Amino acid sequence: MNAELTPLASPFFEPGPPGEEDIELARIVDRGIRSAPAVDFGKLSVLPGSKVWGLFVDIYPLDYDGNLVDAAGLATMAALLSGKIPKATAEENRVVVLEEKENIPVLTKVVFVTIAKVSEFLLVDPSLEEELLADARITFSFTEQGEICAIQKMGAGSFSVREVLEAQELAEEASKKLFQVLSQIS
């Protein structure tokens, strides 16, 4: 998983090697996908122990208007659901790649929901302006079974236990709408 935040997306981003924000974005999405687990990595093996298909996800936002984590997570999941890999077989310790393609072996869908804390208010899917005002943000990653598979807190502020539980409820409700969007992808 790789993310590159360029000035094309926002004047907030600078050219050059990946910075903290790029790395954090990629890690949050990667952790949610792997923790679910969303992909059956065992089925990517063509010749056990030596040949395996690799999946690479590169996140290149084109227009940053807030909440990159949720957008990148949704785009990543959409890519996994619609992506194809070549069928391959192993014959006498060598791989034969067929022209036929098959779906990436997705085990479960994952969505990301970020809640921003602005003063004493909790906001779902914060805009750029809301992110800039936020004391802190918390992102929940949910499987389609409604399980939390990852949580990431960002920003200098803090959440009380009550706020985390309230944020979880808000995020869980929002996740249902995102799963409806993903159900349209095949």
Protein backbone atom coordinates (compact mmCIF):
# COMPACT_ATOMS: atom_id res chain seq x y z
CA MET A 1 0.00 0.00 0.00
CA ASN A 2 1.37 3.38 -0.98
CA ALA A 3 -0.05 6.90 -0.85
CA GLU A 4 1.33 9.99 -2.48
CA LEU A 5 -0.16 13.36 -1.65
CA THR A 6 0.89 15.81 -4.35
CA PRO A 7 0.30 19.55 -4.89
CA LEU A 8 -2.09 18.55 -7.69
CA ALA A 9 -4.57 17.50 -4.96
CA SER A 10 -4.01 20.46 -2.65
CA PRO A 11 -1.59 23.33 -2.02
CA PHE A 12 -1.22 21.84 1.49
CA PHE A 13 0.87 19.03 -0.01
CA GLU A 14 4.44 19.47 -1.17
CA PRO A 15 6.35 17.59 -3.85
CA GLY A 16 9.05 15.17 -2.82
CA PRO A 17 9.34 11.93 -0.93
CA PRO A 18 6.35 10.69 1.10
CA GLY A 19 5.78 12.64 4.31
CA GLU A 20 4.03 11.72 7.55
CA GLU A 21 0.54 12.26 6.11
CA ASP A 22 1.23 10.04 3.07
CA ILE A 23 2.61 7.25 5.24
CA GLU A 24 -0.18 7.51 7.82
CA LEU A 25 -2.87 7.36 5.11
CA ALA A 26 -1.37 4.25 3.52
CA ARG A 27 -0.89 2.53 6.89
CA ILE A 28 -4.44 3.17 8.09
CA VAL A 29 -5.99 1.76 4.91
CA ASP A 30 -3.54 -1.15 4.83
CA ARG A 31 -4.22 -2.02 8.48
CA GLY A 32 -7.98 -2.05 7.96
CA ILE A 33 -7.75 -4.26 4.87
CA ARG A 34 -5.28 -6.71 6.45
CA SER A 35 -6.92 -6.82 9.89
CA ALA A 36 -10.32 -7.81 8.49
CA PRO A 37 -8.83 -9.80 6.60
CA ALA A 38 -10.40 -8.53 3.38
CA VAL A 39 -8.30 -10.62 0.98
CA ASP A 40 -7.58 -14.35 1.08
CA PHE A 41 -3.83 -14.06 0.56
CA GLY A 42 -3.49 -17.87 0.54
CA LYS A 43 -5.42 -17.99 -2.74
CA LEU A 44 -2.88 -15.66 -4.35
CA SER A 45 -0.31 -18.45 -4.17
CA VAL A 46 0.30 -20.07 -7.55
CA LEU A 47 3.24 -22.28 -6.61
CA PRO A 48 3.29 -22.62 -2.81
CA GLY A 49 6.49 -21.30 -1.29
CA SER A 50 7.84 -19.68 -4.44
CA LYS A 51 5.30 -18.00 -6.78
CA VAL A 52 2.53 -15.73 -5.61
CA TRP A 53 0.51 -12.89 -7.09
CA GLY A 54 1.23 -9.55 -5.47
CA LEU A 55 -1.38 -6.87 -4.93
CA PHE A 56 -0.27 -3.25 -4.99
CA VAL A 57 -2.53 -0.33 -4.12
CA ASP A 58 -1.33 3.17 -4.92
CA ILE A 59 -3.38 6.06 -3.58
CA TYR A 60 -3.04 9.29 -5.57
CA PRO A 61 -5.74 11.80 -4.57
CA LEU A 62 -6.59 14.29 -7.30
CA ASP A 63 -8.63 16.79 -5.28
CA TYR A 64 -8.31 16.96 -1.50
CA ASP A 65 -11.42 18.30 0.20
CA GLY A 66 -11.10 16.49 3.52
CA ASN A 67 -11.37 12.95 4.87
CA LEU A 68 -8.85 11.20 2.66
CA VAL A 69 -8.86 8.07 4.83
CA ASP A 70 -12.49 7.18 4.16
CA ALA A 71 -12.24 8.04 0.45
CA ALA A 72 -9.00 6.06 0.02
CA GLY A 73 -10.44 3.10 1.93
CA LEU A 74 -13.59 3.06 -0.20
CA ALA A 75 -11.56 3.35 -3.42
CA THR A 76 -9.22 0.57 -2.28
CA MET A 77 -12.10 -1.74 -1.49
CA ALA A 78 -13.78 -0.90 -4.82
CA ALA A 79 -10.52 -1.73 -6.63
CA LEU A 80 -10.22 -5.06 -4.83
CA LEU A 81 -13.84 -5.96 -5.61
CA SER A 82 -13.58 -5.07 -9.29
CA GLY A 83 -9.96 -6.11 -9.88
CA LYS A 84 -8.94 -9.23 -11.76
CA ILE A 85 -5.81 -11.37 -11.72
CA PRO A 86 -4.70 -13.83 -14.40
CA LYS A 87 -5.56 -17.45 -13.79
CA ALA A 88 -2.45 -19.54 -13.44
CA THR A 89 -1.60 -23.17 -12.87
CA ALA A 90 1.52 -24.94 -11.70
CA GLU A 91 2.87 -27.70 -13.92
CA GLU A 92 6.06 -29.50 -12.94
CA ASN A 93 7.28 -26.66 -10.69
CA ARG A 94 6.67 -23.96 -13.26
CA VAL A 95 3.85 -21.50 -13.60
CA VAL A 96 1.61 -21.36 -16.64
CA VAL A 97 -0.32 -18.10 -16.88
CA LEU A 98 -3.61 -18.44 -18.70
CA GLU A 99 -5.38 -15.73 -20.68
CA GLU A 100 -8.48 -16.12 -18.52
CA LYS A 101 -8.84 -13.75 -15.55
CA GLU A 102 -10.46 -14.29 -12.17
CA ASN A 103 -11.62 -12.06 -9.34
CA ILE A 104 -9.27 -11.05 -6.56
CA PRO A 105 -10.15 -13.42 -3.68
CA VAL A 106 -12.03 -10.99 -1.40
CA LEU A 107 -13.18 -12.58 1.87
CA THR A 108 -15.06 -9.62 3.31
CA LYS A 109 -15.70 -5.99 2.53
CA VAL A 110 -14.21 -3.26 4.74
CA VAL A 111 -15.22 0.39 5.06
CA PHE A 112 -13.60 3.25 6.93
CA VAL A 113 -15.55 5.91 8.82
CA THR A 114 -13.85 8.96 10.31
CA ILE A 115 -15.35 11.05 13.08
CA ALA A 116 -13.89 14.50 13.81
CA LYS A 117 -14.14 16.20 17.19
CA VAL A 118 -14.68 19.94 16.84
CA SER A 119 -15.06 21.52 20.26
CA GLU A 120 -17.59 19.22 21.94
CA PHE A 121 -19.25 18.13 18.66
CA LEU A 122 -18.62 14.87 16.80
CA LEU A 123 -18.86 15.10 12.99
CA VAL A 124 -19.10 12.18 10.57
CA ASP A 125 -17.11 12.42 7.30
CA PRO A 126 -15.46 15.78 8.02
CA SER A 127 -14.90 18.26 5.21
CA LEU A 128 -11.55 20.02 4.80
CA GLU A 129 -12.73 22.99 6.84
CA GLU A 130 -13.99 20.70 9.62
CA GLU A 131 -10.70 18.77 9.63
CA LEU A 132 -8.76 22.01 9.98
CA LEU A 133 -10.90 22.96 13.00
CA ALA A 134 -10.85 19.49 14.56
CA ASP A 135 -9.12 18.82 17.85
CA ALA A 136 -8.83 15.15 16.95
CA ARG A 137 -10.17 12.51 14.55
CA ILE A 138 -10.85 8.83 14.99
CA THR A 139 -11.29 6.34 12.15
CA PHE A 140 -13.10 3.04 12.59
CA SER A 141 -12.67 0.21 10.07
CA PHE A 142 -15.68 -2.12 9.88
CA THR A 143 -16.17 -5.48 8.21
CA GLU A 144 -19.47 -6.15 6.49
CA GLN A 145 -20.36 -8.32 9.51
CA GLY A 146 -20.31 -5.13 11.60
CA GLU A 147 -17.07 -5.98 13.42
CA ILE A 148 -14.48 -3.30 14.10
CA CYS A 149 -11.21 -4.52 12.62
CA ALA A 150 -9.08 -1.40 13.20
CA ILE A 151 -9.19 1.99 14.92
CA GLN A 152 -6.87 4.95 14.40
CA LYS A 153 -6.86 8.19 16.40
CA MET A 154 -5.30 11.24 14.73
CA GLY A 155 -4.60 14.77 15.86
CA ALA A 156 -3.33 16.32 19.08
CA GLY A 157 -6.67 16.38 20.93
CA SER A 158 -8.29 13.57 22.87
CA PHE A 159 -11.59 11.72 23.18
CA SER A 160 -13.27 10.79 26.45
CA VAL A 161 -14.56 7.24 26.84
CA ARG A 162 -18.10 8.55 26.29
CA GLU A 163 -17.01 10.33 23.09
CA VAL A 164 -15.29 7.21 21.73
CA LEU A 165 -18.44 5.16 22.34
CA GLU A 166 -20.61 7.84 20.74
CA ALA A 167 -18.19 8.07 17.80
CA GLN A 168 -18.36 4.29 17.42
CA GLU A 169 -22.17 4.41 17.21
CA LEU A 170 -22.08 7.21 14.63
CA ALA A 171 -19.45 5.37 12.60
CA GLU A 172 -21.33 2.08 12.73
CA GLU A 173 -24.47 3.75 11.40
CA ALA A 174 -22.53 5.50 8.61
CA SER A 175 -20.78 2.24 7.66
CA LYS A 176 -24.11 0.69 6.67
CA LYS A 177 -24.54 3.31 3.93
CA LEU A 178 -21.02 2.71 2.65
CA PHE A 179 -21.63 -1.05 2.44
CA GLN A 180 -24.70 -0.31 0.31
CA VAL A 181 -22.44 1.59 -2.10
CA LEU A 182 -19.93 -1.29 -2.20
CA SER A 183 -22.70 -3.85 -2.80
CA GLN A 184 -23.18 -2.31 -6.26
CA ILE A 185 -19.60 -3.20 -7.28
CA SER A 186 -18.75 -6.60 -8.67
